[in-house]
């Protein structure tokens, strides 16, 4: 690679959004497009194998290991925040759950001053991306590049969870992305023929041979380059310069996107000066408004081999299914482990679910960093719309230094109350006969939590992220907004941010599918196209 190159579009970050933009922008032969990814190519076979998630999240080969600053209301713990660092980004290491969120989430975005970001306007971009094996209807498309399917292999405990959820009063939901979100059921996943369909697999690999698309891995951006008030390129850690005649598109995620802006002099002026960085544009909201889904998990040891296990012999037995996976795309290795779940309303919910469940068919402790032997299953509950707000700040002006992550978990008392209700709802499901037949003993908590004080102490000791950071370059028109409704950075020409950091408020669900839809919409904005909003009768929930 030469020391200096010039393109029409330079995309920083080869993750969920960056791969979409690389595909859509390079579809026009006149556009010279460059995609920069700090990590390696996604060669690791465990990425394509869905059950490989158990090794990808705690591993370091294609994963940046972040840790938060000590969290005051979580007993001063520093929480593990893994983020994908490879082509496909976190879509290469996530649980593959295809979830859009609630239609009201996006209407709230629009009501907050972001025209064109309501549910009716954004649904066409979900449909543009989605290739669902169930086919097309008012809520789904079978023709997009992002493969969506039902799991090819499910554990007995997953089916037991769905029955137990219904016994506990939750309706059966066979499509969380349809007309209604609440209920319990199996999740659809981003897989094709039993293999992970990351953003790279869906959007990037099919077009890698385009002569106008250049993809560079192991290429970490150090700072943005300016010509006056306009961004004109990117300088890499090794000193190479990637210049643009058009735009730089920042797709590095909710942690790295604000970090690169700050390193480049875009952010709160006083903070920049303190870090020894010359301010280019005073934007006080850069790195602020950090939101995440905090998750609390209860773990049960199973009385029968109905789940995955961390013990050696069960692992060897699972490995015997490699030929079935490799040649037929079926069997246990196609399972995403987090196979089932659901949505429910706490007593504080305002018309839409504010709690999400994830049933993992494995005993999960500390993101898989701690692996007990034996069979077991875990039921997660997370609060979907946290009131707490944190921030990302610089540790120093050195681009090699990881930024400081201050989520401010449970800073708002309401978040604690909702999470506590979620824990109690989850326990009620675990106590239903359908799951009790597999119950050997409680692993965590190891004794009943009989008081609100005990529940609060358990949350403080054990709550963890469920990997959905967002909001740190929020979209809007107020003084804390970083980008406008076209995702252009306020006061800076030639620069857009396209990833989860632009979300004004965190959506009610998993974040990968929304980020891909955001990128599809951004591509149309950049190319000055627009999808037509769908009619209200097919775009909105009936209740």
Protein backbone atom coordinates (compact mmCIF):
# COMPACT_ATOMS: atom_id res chain seq x y z
CA UNK A 1 0.00 0.00 0.00
CA UNK A 2 1.46 3.42 -0.99
CA UNK A 3 2.12 6.03 1.69
CA UNK A 4 -0.68 8.19 0.29
CA UNK A 5 -3.80 7.33 -1.70
CA UNK A 6 -6.88 9.28 -2.79
CA UNK A 7 -10.48 8.02 -2.89
CA UNK A 8 -13.97 9.46 -3.23
CA UNK A 9 -15.14 7.83 0.00
CA UNK A 10 -13.02 6.67 2.92
CA UNK A 11 -14.83 4.40 5.39
CA UNK A 12 -13.23 4.06 8.82
CA UNK A 13 -14.28 0.76 10.41
CA UNK A 14 -15.09 -2.50 8.64
CA UNK A 15 -17.88 -3.53 10.99
CA UNK A 16 -21.66 -3.82 10.64
CA UNK A 17 -22.13 -0.37 9.11
CA UNK A 18 -18.84 -0.05 7.25
CA UNK A 19 -19.37 -3.20 5.20
CA UNK A 20 -22.83 -1.98 4.13
CA UNK A 21 -21.42 1.35 2.96
CA UNK A 22 -18.53 -0.32 1.15
CA UNK A 23 -21.00 -2.39 -0.84
CA UNK A 24 -23.57 0.28 -1.62
CA UNK A 25 -21.15 3.11 -2.45
CA UNK A 26 -18.90 0.98 -4.66
CA UNK A 27 -21.90 -0.21 -6.69
CA UNK A 28 -21.37 2.93 -8.77
CA UNK A 29 -18.25 2.30 -10.86
CA UNK A 30 -17.39 6.00 -10.77
CA UNK A 31 -16.95 5.92 -6.97
CA UNK A 32 -13.51 5.00 -5.65
CA UNK A 33 -14.13 3.55 -2.18
CA UNK A 34 -11.67 2.65 0.57
CA UNK A 35 -12.57 0.57 3.64
CA UNK A 36 -10.17 0.70 6.60
CA UNK A 37 -10.32 -1.97 9.32
CA UNK A 38 -8.06 -1.90 12.37
CA UNK A 39 -8.27 -5.66 12.89
CA UNK A 40 -7.52 -8.69 10.71
CA UNK A 41 -9.60 -10.26 7.99
CA UNK A 42 -12.37 -12.57 9.20
CA UNK A 43 -10.54 -15.78 8.28
CA UNK A 44 -11.16 -17.52 11.61
CA UNK A 45 -13.43 -20.56 10.99
CA UNK A 46 -14.99 -20.05 14.43
CA UNK A 47 -16.57 -16.86 13.06
CA UNK A 48 -18.62 -18.76 10.49
CA UNK A 49 -19.47 -21.55 12.96
CA UNK A 50 -22.36 -20.24 15.14
CA UNK A 51 -21.43 -22.29 18.21
CA UNK A 52 -17.96 -20.76 18.01
CA UNK A 53 -19.33 -17.73 19.86
CA UNK A 54 -18.27 -19.38 23.11
CA UNK A 55 -14.65 -18.95 22.06
CA UNK A 56 -14.92 -15.65 20.17
CA UNK A 57 -16.28 -13.45 22.98
CA UNK A 58 -13.65 -14.29 25.64
CA UNK A 59 -10.91 -14.72 23.02
CA UNK A 60 -8.65 -11.97 21.72
CA UNK A 61 -7.93 -12.88 18.09
CA UNK A 62 -10.74 -10.82 16.55
CA UNK A 63 -11.96 -9.03 19.64
CA UNK A 64 -10.91 -5.81 21.33
CA UNK A 65 -11.06 -6.31 25.10
CA UNK A 66 -12.31 -3.10 26.70
CA UNK A 67 -13.00 -2.67 30.39
CA UNK A 68 -15.11 0.06 31.94
CA UNK A 69 -13.97 2.35 34.68
CA UNK A 70 -15.04 1.16 38.18
CA UNK A 71 -18.82 1.35 38.49
CA UNK A 72 -19.95 2.89 41.75
CA UNK A 73 -23.32 1.13 41.89
CA UNK A 74 -21.87 -2.23 40.83
CA UNK A 75 -19.53 -2.61 43.80
CA UNK A 76 -16.75 -0.73 42.04
CA UNK A 77 -16.37 -3.45 39.41
CA UNK A 78 -14.72 -2.85 36.03
CA UNK A 79 -16.95 -4.57 33.47
CA UNK A 80 -15.66 -6.46 30.44
CA UNK A 81 -16.78 -4.87 27.16
CA UNK A 82 -15.73 -7.01 24.17
CA UNK A 83 -16.08 -5.44 20.71
CA UNK A 84 -15.44 -7.07 17.35
CA UNK A 85 -12.10 -6.13 15.79
CA UNK A 86 -12.15 -7.83 12.39
CA UNK A 87 -14.03 -7.51 9.12
CA UNK A 88 -17.69 -7.64 10.14
CA UNK A 89 -16.94 -6.03 13.51
CA UNK A 90 -19.20 -7.16 16.31
CA UNK A 91 -21.48 -8.91 13.79
CA UNK A 92 -18.62 -11.43 13.50
CA UNK A 93 -18.68 -12.32 17.21
CA UNK A 94 -22.25 -11.63 18.38
CA UNK A 95 -25.07 -14.10 19.07
CA UNK A 96 -26.56 -13.46 15.59
CA UNK A 97 -29.98 -12.49 16.98
CA UNK A 98 -31.99 -10.61 14.36
CA UNK A 99 -33.96 -7.97 16.22
CA UNK A 100 -35.13 -4.54 15.07
CA UNK A 101 -36.46 -3.12 18.31
CA UNK A 102 -39.85 -1.50 18.82
CA UNK A 103 -41.47 0.78 16.24
CA UNK A 104 -42.01 3.42 18.94
CA UNK A 105 -38.24 3.65 19.47
CA UNK A 106 -37.78 5.16 16.03
CA UNK A 107 -40.83 7.39 16.26
CA UNK A 108 -39.23 8.80 19.41
CA UNK A 109 -36.08 9.56 17.40
CA UNK A 110 -38.12 11.49 14.86
CA UNK A 111 -40.10 13.31 17.54
CA UNK A 112 -36.80 14.41 19.09
CA UNK A 113 -36.00 16.44 15.97
CA UNK A 114 -34.71 13.90 13.45
CA UNK A 115 -36.98 14.02 10.38
CA UNK A 116 -37.00 10.86 8.28
CA UNK A 117 -36.04 8.55 11.16
CA UNK A 118 -39.50 7.42 12.24
CA UNK A 119 -40.56 3.79 11.93
CA UNK A 120 -42.43 4.24 8.65
CA UNK A 121 -39.32 5.81 7.11
CA UNK A 122 -36.84 3.29 8.50
CA UNK A 123 -38.75 0.05 7.87
CA UNK A 124 -37.96 0.13 4.11
CA UNK A 125 -34.26 0.00 4.99
CA UNK A 126 -34.76 -3.01 7.24
CA UNK A 127 -36.54 -4.66 4.31
CA UNK A 128 -33.81 -3.61 1.88
CA UNK A 129 -31.25 -5.43 4.02
CA UNK A 130 -33.23 -8.51 5.04
CA UNK A 131 -33.16 -11.83 3.21
CA UNK A 132 -35.49 -13.91 5.38
CA UNK A 133 -35.88 -17.59 4.56
CA UNK A 134 -39.55 -17.34 5.61
CA UNK A 135 -40.12 -15.10 2.60
CA UNK A 136 -41.66 -11.66 2.17
CA UNK A 137 -44.72 -10.09 3.77
CA UNK A 138 -45.69 -6.68 5.15
CA UNK A 139 -42.93 -6.84 7.77
CA UNK A 140 -40.24 -8.90 6.06
CA UNK A 141 -38.23 -9.29 2.87
CA UNK A 142 -36.76 -12.44 1.41
CA UNK A 143 -34.46 -10.70 -1.04
CA UNK A 144 -31.88 -8.66 0.87
CA UNK A 145 -28.21 -9.58 1.35
CA UNK A 146 -28.45 -10.15 5.13
CA UNK A 147 -29.53 -13.77 5.54
CA UNK A 148 -32.09 -14.32 8.31
CA UNK A 149 -33.26 -17.79 9.26
CA UNK A 150 -34.73 -19.98 11.95
CA UNK A 151 -32.24 -22.05 13.93
CA UNK A 152 -31.41 -25.39 12.31
CA UNK A 153 -30.88 -27.12 15.65
CA UNK A 154 -32.39 -26.33 19.04
CA UNK A 155 -31.78 -27.70 22.51
CA UNK A 156 -34.53 -29.28 24.64
CA UNK A 157 -34.05 -26.56 27.24
CA UNK A 158 -34.87 -23.87 24.67
CA UNK A 159 -38.24 -25.43 23.95
CA UNK A 160 -38.79 -25.86 27.69
CA UNK A 161 -38.14 -22.15 28.21
CA UNK A 162 -40.77 -21.21 25.63
CA UNK A 163 -43.34 -23.45 27.35
CA UNK A 164 -42.32 -22.14 30.78
CA UNK A 165 -42.67 -18.55 29.62
CA UNK A 166 -46.22 -19.22 28.50
CA UNK A 167 -47.00 -20.92 31.81
CA UNK A 168 -45.76 -17.76 33.54
CA UNK A 169 -48.24 -15.67 31.56
CA UNK A 170 -46.21 -14.50 28.57
CA UNK A 171 -47.81 -15.02 25.13
CA UNK A 172 -46.11 -17.11 22.46
CA UNK A 173 -44.44 -14.93 19.83
CA UNK A 174 -43.13 -16.56 16.66
CA UNK A 175 -42.00 -13.27 15.13
CA UNK A 176 -40.51 -10.57 17.35
CA UNK A 177 -40.08 -8.38 14.25
CA UNK A 178 -43.72 -8.58 13.21
CA UNK A 179 -46.79 -6.72 14.39
CA UNK A 180 -46.14 -7.21 18.13
CA UNK A 181 -42.94 -7.48 20.14
CA UNK A 182 -43.99 -8.86 23.52
CA UNK A 183 -44.02 -12.55 24.38
CA UNK A 184 -41.60 -15.49 24.37
CA UNK A 185 -40.24 -17.63 21.56
CA UNK A 186 -37.20 -18.65 19.56
CA UNK A 187 -35.13 -15.87 18.03
CA UNK A 188 -34.42 -15.69 14.32
CA UNK A 189 -30.73 -15.43 13.54
CA UNK A 190 -28.45 -13.96 10.88
CA UNK A 191 -27.39 -17.27 9.39
CA UNK A 192 -27.35 -18.84 5.94
CA UNK A 193 -27.22 -22.63 5.55
CA UNK A 194 -26.35 -22.93 9.24
CA UNK A 195 -23.41 -20.52 9.07
CA UNK A 196 -23.04 -17.02 10.52
CA UNK A 197 -23.96 -14.26 8.10
CA UNK A 198 -22.00 -11.30 9.41
CA UNK A 199 -22.11 -7.91 7.74
CA UNK A 200 -18.86 -8.84 6.00
CA UNK A 201 -20.30 -12.12 4.71
CA UNK A 202 -23.51 -10.42 3.57
CA UNK A 203 -22.19 -7.19 2.07
CA UNK A 204 -18.42 -7.21 1.66
CA UNK A 205 -17.18 -10.60 0.48
CA UNK A 206 -19.56 -10.80 -2.52
CA UNK A 207 -18.08 -7.55 -3.93
CA UNK A 208 -14.42 -7.79 -2.90
CA UNK A 209 -13.39 -8.12 -6.55
CA UNK A 210 -14.76 -4.71 -7.56
CA UNK A 211 -11.89 -2.74 -9.06
CA UNK A 212 -13.10 0.48 -7.41
CA UNK A 213 -13.17 -0.97 -3.87
CA UNK A 214 -10.01 -1.17 -1.77
CA UNK A 215 -10.10 -2.96 1.59
CA UNK A 216 -7.20 -2.56 4.02
CA UNK A 217 -7.03 -4.58 7.24
CA UNK A 218 -4.59 -3.94 10.12
CA UNK A 219 -5.11 -0.25 9.31
CA UNK A 220 -6.02 1.73 12.42
CA UNK A 221 -6.91 5.39 12.08
CA UNK A 222 -4.90 7.73 14.30
CA UNK A 223 -6.64 11.00 13.45
CA UNK A 224 -8.66 12.80 10.82
CA UNK A 225 -6.93 15.21 8.45
CA UNK A 226 -8.29 18.70 7.77
CA UNK A 227 -8.11 21.23 5.00
CA UNK A 228 -9.57 24.30 6.67
CA UNK A 229 -12.93 23.31 8.19
CA UNK A 230 -13.25 20.28 5.93
CA UNK A 231 -12.08 16.75 6.66
CA UNK A 232 -9.91 15.64 3.76
CA UNK A 233 -8.68 12.24 4.89
CA UNK A 234 -7.35 9.93 7.58
CA UNK A 235 -3.87 9.39 8.97
CA UNK A 236 -3.12 5.83 10.07
CA UNK A 237 -1.01 4.74 13.01
CA UNK A 238 1.86 3.80 10.70
CA UNK A 239 1.87 7.26 9.13
CA UNK A 240 0.08 6.41 5.89
CA UNK A 241 -2.42 9.00 4.68
CA UNK A 242 -5.70 8.09 3.01
CA UNK A 243 -7.17 11.18 1.37
CA UNK A 244 -10.61 11.86 -0.06
CA UNK A 245 -12.15 14.13 -2.66
CA UNK A 246 -15.55 13.41 -1.14
CA UNK A 247 -16.32 12.28 2.41
CA UNK A 248 -14.90 10.39 5.34
CA UNK A 249 -17.49 8.03 6.84
CA UNK A 250 -16.78 7.14 10.46
CA UNK A 251 -18.15 3.67 11.29
CA UNK A 252 -15.91 2.66 14.19
CA UNK A 253 -18.70 2.07 16.73
CA UNK A 254 -19.94 3.66 19.93
CA UNK A 255 -16.49 3.51 21.58
CA UNK A 256 -14.00 4.18 18.79
CA UNK A 257 -16.01 6.72 16.77
CA UNK A 258 -16.09 9.33 19.57
CA UNK A 259 -12.49 8.47 20.42
CA UNK A 260 -11.33 9.28 16.88
CA UNK A 261 -13.34 12.51 16.84
CA UNK A 262 -11.74 13.58 20.12
CA UNK A 263 -8.25 12.65 18.93
CA UNK A 264 -8.91 14.79 15.86
CA UNK A 265 -9.95 17.87 17.83
CA UNK A 266 -13.71 17.47 17.50
CA UNK A 267 -15.44 17.52 20.87
CA UNK A 268 -15.69 19.49 24.13
CA UNK A 269 -13.08 22.23 23.85
CA UNK A 270 -11.95 22.16 27.49
CA UNK A 271 -11.48 18.38 27.48
CA UNK A 272 -9.48 18.54 24.26
CA UNK A 273 -7.13 21.20 25.62
CA UNK A 274 -6.65 19.19 28.81
CA UNK A 275 -5.53 16.23 26.67
CA UNK A 276 -3.14 18.45 24.73
CA UNK A 277 -5.24 18.39 21.55
CA UNK A 278 -5.86 21.52 19.48
CA UNK A 279 -9.64 21.98 19.07
CA UNK A 280 -10.94 21.96 15.50
CA UNK A 281 -14.65 22.06 16.29
CA UNK A 282 -16.33 22.56 19.67
CA UNK A 283 -18.98 19.85 19.96
CA UNK A 284 -19.73 19.23 23.66
CA UNK A 285 -21.76 16.08 22.96
CA UNK A 286 -18.94 13.96 21.53
CA UNK A 287 -18.55 10.92 23.78
CA UNK A 288 -21.54 11.87 25.96
CA UNK A 289 -24.99 10.23 26.09
CA UNK A 290 -23.47 6.73 26.43
CA UNK A 291 -26.16 4.09 26.95
CA UNK A 292 -26.02 0.32 27.28
CA UNK A 293 -28.26 -2.59 28.20
CA UNK A 294 -27.29 -3.84 31.65
CA UNK A 295 -28.06 -7.52 32.12
CA UNK A 296 -28.59 -9.76 35.14
CA UNK A 297 -28.30 -13.54 34.79
CA UNK A 298 -29.54 -16.51 36.80
CA UNK A 299 -27.73 -19.80 36.18
CA UNK A 300 -29.03 -23.31 36.79
CA UNK A 301 -27.14 -26.61 36.73
CA UNK A 302 -29.04 -29.06 34.54
CA UNK A 303 -30.00 -32.56 35.65
CA UNK A 304 -29.54 -34.01 32.16
CA UNK A 305 -27.32 -33.38 29.10
CA UNK A 306 -29.81 -31.04 27.42
CA UNK A 307 -27.47 -28.05 26.97
CA UNK A 308 -23.94 -27.22 25.94
CA UNK A 309 -21.22 -27.92 28.49
CA UNK A 310 -17.75 -26.64 29.29
CA UNK A 311 -16.51 -30.08 30.37
CA UNK A 312 -14.01 -31.87 28.15
CA UNK A 313 -16.00 -35.00 27.25
CA UNK A 314 -19.18 -33.15 26.17
CA UNK A 315 -16.99 -30.83 24.09
CA UNK A 316 -15.43 -33.83 22.35
CA UNK A 317 -18.90 -35.27 21.70
CA UNK A 318 -19.99 -31.95 20.18
CA UNK A 319 -16.89 -31.96 17.96
CA UNK A 320 -18.12 -35.23 16.45
CA UNK A 321 -20.82 -33.16 14.75
CA UNK A 322 -18.26 -31.27 12.64
CA UNK A 323 -19.03 -33.28 9.46
CA UNK A 324 -22.77 -32.63 9.91
CA UNK A 325 -22.08 -28.92 10.28
CA UNK A 326 -19.54 -28.74 7.48
CA UNK A 327 -21.40 -30.72 4.82
CA UNK A 328 -25.06 -30.17 5.71
CA UNK A 329 -25.15 -26.94 7.72
CA UNK A 330 -27.01 -28.66 10.52
CA UNK A 331 -26.47 -30.02 14.01
CA UNK A 332 -25.39 -28.55 17.37
CA UNK A 333 -22.60 -26.43 15.88
CA UNK A 334 -25.20 -24.31 14.05
CA UNK A 335 -26.76 -23.26 17.36
CA UNK A 336 -26.13 -19.70 18.53
CA UNK A 337 -26.40 -20.76 22.22
CA UNK A 338 -28.71 -17.76 22.93
CA UNK A 339 -31.52 -19.46 21.06
CA UNK A 340 -34.68 -18.20 22.75
CA UNK A 341 -35.97 -15.24 24.69
CA UNK A 342 -38.70 -12.68 24.84
CA UNK A 343 -39.99 -9.27 25.84
CA UNK A 344 -42.13 -8.14 28.77
CA UNK A 345 -43.38 -5.01 30.46
CA UNK A 346 -42.40 -3.98 33.96
CA UNK A 347 -44.80 -2.02 36.14
CA UNK A 348 -43.02 1.11 34.87
CA UNK A 349 -43.39 0.37 31.14
CA UNK A 350 -45.06 3.03 29.02
CA UNK A 351 -46.91 1.09 26.36
CA UNK A 352 -44.08 -1.10 25.09
CA UNK A 353 -41.82 -3.78 26.59
CA UNK A 354 -38.94 -2.55 28.70
CA UNK A 355 -37.46 -5.94 29.65
CA UNK A 356 -35.81 -8.51 27.36
CA UNK A 357 -34.97 -12.13 28.16
CA UNK A 358 -32.19 -14.24 26.62
CA UNK A 359 -32.10 -17.97 27.32
CA UNK A 360 -28.60 -19.37 26.82
CA UNK A 361 -28.29 -23.13 26.62
CA UNK A 362 -25.04 -23.13 28.59
CA UNK A 363 -23.88 -22.18 32.10
CA UNK A 364 -22.69 -18.64 31.43
CA UNK A 365 -20.54 -16.78 33.95
CA UNK A 366 -18.66 -13.53 33.22
CA UNK A 367 -19.06 -13.69 29.43
CA UNK A 368 -17.53 -17.15 29.26
CA UNK A 369 -14.32 -16.03 30.97
CA UNK A 370 -15.29 -18.32 33.87
CA UNK A 371 -16.30 -21.81 32.69
CA UNK A 372 -17.76 -24.23 35.24
CA UNK A 373 -17.96 -27.89 34.31
CA UNK A 374 -21.19 -29.75 33.74
CA UNK A 375 -24.41 -28.93 31.93
CA UNK A 376 -26.49 -25.86 32.68
CA UNK A 377 -28.57 -23.02 31.34
CA UNK A 378 -28.78 -19.28 32.00
CA UNK A 379 -31.67 -16.85 31.83
CA UNK A 380 -30.78 -13.21 31.29
CA UNK A 381 -32.97 -10.16 31.90
CA UNK A 382 -32.00 -6.68 30.78
CA UNK A 383 -33.61 -3.26 31.12
CA UNK A 384 -34.22 -2.02 27.58
CA UNK A 385 -34.52 1.74 27.91
CA UNK A 386 -32.09 2.89 30.60
CA UNK A 387 -32.34 6.40 31.97
CA UNK A 388 -28.68 6.41 33.04
CA UNK A 389 -26.20 8.20 30.80
CA UNK A 390 -22.44 7.79 30.75
CA UNK A 391 -19.55 8.94 28.59
CA UNK A 392 -16.47 7.98 26.61
CA UNK A 393 -13.38 10.11 27.28
CA UNK A 394 -9.74 9.99 26.26
CA UNK A 395 -7.16 8.34 28.46
CA UNK A 396 -4.55 10.41 26.63
CA UNK A 397 -3.84 11.96 23.25
CA UNK A 398 -2.12 8.74 22.15
CA UNK A 399 -4.34 6.92 19.61
CA UNK A 400 -2.92 3.59 20.80
CA UNK A 401 -4.40 4.09 24.27
CA UNK A 402 -7.87 2.65 24.79
CA UNK A 403 -10.44 5.29 25.77
CA UNK A 404 -12.02 5.48 29.22
CA UNK A 405 -15.52 4.02 29.41
CA UNK A 406 -17.85 5.45 32.07
CA UNK A 407 -21.30 3.81 31.55
CA UNK A 408 -22.70 5.16 34.84
CA UNK A 409 -24.74 1.98 35.25
CA UNK A 410 -27.78 2.34 37.52
CA UNK A 411 -27.08 6.05 37.91
CA UNK A 412 -30.84 6.48 37.61
CA UNK A 413 -32.80 4.67 40.33
CA UNK A 414 -35.49 3.67 37.83
CA UNK A 415 -32.99 1.43 36.02
CA UNK A 416 -32.39 -0.51 39.24
CA UNK A 417 -36.13 -0.98 39.75
CA UNK A 418 -36.77 -2.23 36.20
CA UNK A 419 -33.82 -4.62 36.31
CA UNK A 420 -35.01 -6.00 39.65
CA UNK A 421 -38.45 -6.67 38.16
CA UNK A 422 -36.81 -8.36 35.20
CA UNK A 423 -34.86 -10.64 37.51
CA UNK A 424 -38.02 -11.61 39.39
CA UNK A 425 -39.91 -12.27 36.13
CA UNK A 426 -37.06 -14.45 34.91
CA UNK A 427 -37.04 -16.43 38.15
CA UNK A 428 -40.77 -17.03 37.83
CA UNK A 429 -40.14 -18.54 34.40
CA UNK A 430 -37.32 -20.71 35.74
CA UNK A 431 -39.65 -22.09 38.44
CA UNK A 432 -42.27 -23.34 35.95
CA UNK A 433 -42.66 -27.14 35.58
CA UNK A 434 -41.37 -27.18 31.99
CA UNK A 435 -37.93 -26.01 33.18
CA UNK A 436 -38.01 -27.56 36.63
CA UNK A 437 -37.79 -31.00 35.02
CA UNK A 438 -34.21 -30.10 34.03
CA UNK A 439 -33.35 -28.29 37.27
CA UNK A 440 -30.63 -29.90 39.40
CA UNK A 441 -29.58 -26.96 41.55
CA UNK A 442 -29.17 -23.20 41.49
CA UNK A 443 -25.69 -22.06 40.52
CA UNK A 444 -26.33 -18.32 40.70
CA UNK A 445 -27.86 -17.09 42.90
CA UNK A 446 -27.16 -20.10 45.10
CA UNK A 447 -29.97 -19.21 47.50
CA UNK A 448 -33.34 -17.44 47.20
CA UNK A 449 -33.34 -13.64 47.05
CA UNK A 450 -36.15 -12.90 49.49
CA UNK A 451 -35.88 -9.12 49.85
CA UNK A 452 -35.37 -6.12 47.60
CA UNK A 453 -32.11 -5.48 49.44
CA UNK A 454 -30.88 -8.98 48.55
CA UNK A 455 -31.91 -8.48 44.92
CA UNK A 456 -30.08 -5.15 44.80
CA UNK A 457 -26.94 -6.68 46.27
CA UNK A 458 -27.07 -9.55 43.76
CA UNK A 459 -27.38 -7.08 40.88
CA UNK A 460 -24.47 -5.04 42.22
CA UNK A 461 -22.28 -8.15 42.38
CA UNK A 462 -23.26 -9.84 39.13
CA UNK A 463 -24.84 -7.49 36.54
CA UNK A 464 -22.93 -7.28 33.25
CA UNK A 465 -23.25 -5.70 29.82
CA UNK A 466 -25.12 -7.51 27.08
CA UNK A 467 -22.98 -5.70 24.47
CA UNK A 468 -25.21 -2.89 23.17
CA UNK A 469 -23.35 0.43 23.69
CA UNK A 470 -24.82 3.35 21.77
CA UNK A 471 -25.50 7.08 21.68
CA UNK A 472 -22.04 8.68 21.96
CA UNK A 473 -22.32 10.75 18.75
CA UNK A 474 -26.04 11.31 18.96
CA UNK A 475 -28.19 12.54 16.12
CA UNK A 476 -30.23 15.68 16.67
CA UNK A 477 -30.39 19.46 16.54
CA UNK A 478 -29.79 20.36 20.20
CA UNK A 479 -26.49 21.59 21.62
CA UNK A 480 -25.39 18.08 22.64
CA UNK A 481 -26.06 16.56 19.22
CA UNK A 482 -23.04 15.52 17.16
CA UNK A 483 -24.65 14.72 13.79
CA UNK A 484 -27.72 15.95 11.93
CA UNK A 485 -30.46 13.86 10.32
CA UNK A 486 -28.16 13.16 7.34
CA UNK A 487 -25.54 11.96 9.84
CA UNK A 488 -23.24 14.85 8.93
CA UNK A 489 -21.11 16.09 11.82
CA UNK A 490 -22.28 19.54 12.92
CA UNK A 491 -19.88 22.29 11.91
CA UNK A 492 -17.49 19.98 10.05
CA UNK A 493 -17.67 19.45 6.28
CA UNK A 494 -16.88 16.15 4.61
CA UNK A 495 -17.55 13.95 7.65
CA UNK A 496 -20.41 11.67 8.69
CA UNK A 497 -20.80 9.16 11.50
CA UNK A 498 -22.67 5.95 10.66
CA UNK A 499 -22.98 3.42 13.48
CA UNK A 500 -24.72 2.82 16.83
CA UNK A 501 -23.17 5.96 18.27
CA UNK A 502 -25.69 8.14 16.39
CA UNK A 503 -28.70 6.65 18.19
CA UNK A 504 -30.33 9.44 20.25
CA UNK A 505 -31.77 6.75 22.54
CA UNK A 506 -31.02 3.05 22.75
CA UNK A 507 -33.53 0.85 20.94
CA UNK A 508 -35.58 -1.86 22.66
CA UNK A 509 -33.61 -4.91 21.58
CA UNK A 510 -30.38 -6.15 20.03
CA UNK A 511 -28.53 -3.51 18.03
CA UNK A 512 -26.97 -5.23 15.00
CA UNK A 513 -29.98 -5.14 12.66
CA UNK A 514 -30.70 -1.46 13.46
CA UNK A 515 -27.08 -0.50 12.72
CA UNK A 516 -27.30 -2.21 9.34
CA UNK A 517 -30.55 -0.35 8.58
CA UNK A 518 -28.91 2.92 9.65
CA UNK A 519 -26.09 2.25 7.20
CA UNK A 520 -28.52 1.40 4.39
CA UNK A 521 -30.30 4.71 4.98
CA UNK A 522 -26.99 6.57 5.17
CA UNK A 523 -25.90 5.11 1.82
CA UNK A 524 -29.07 6.44 0.20
CA UNK A 525 -28.48 9.84 1.80
CA UNK A 526 -24.89 9.96 0.53
CA UNK A 527 -25.99 8.91 -2.96
CA UNK A 528 -28.95 11.32 -2.74
CA UNK A 529 -31.58 8.63 -3.04
CA UNK A 530 -34.54 7.95 -0.77
CA UNK A 531 -36.76 4.94 -0.08
CA UNK A 532 -40.46 5.69 0.14
CA UNK A 533 -41.97 5.44 3.65
CA UNK A 534 -44.35 2.50 4.01
CA UNK A 535 -48.08 3.05 4.61
CA UNK A 536 -49.06 3.42 8.24
CA UNK A 537 -51.26 0.32 8.26
CA UNK A 538 -48.29 -2.00 7.66
CA UNK A 539 -45.68 0.03 9.48
CA UNK A 540 -47.18 0.38 12.93
CA UNK A 541 -48.11 -2.08 15.64
CA UNK A 542 -51.90 -2.47 15.90
CA UNK A 543 -51.82 -2.09 19.68
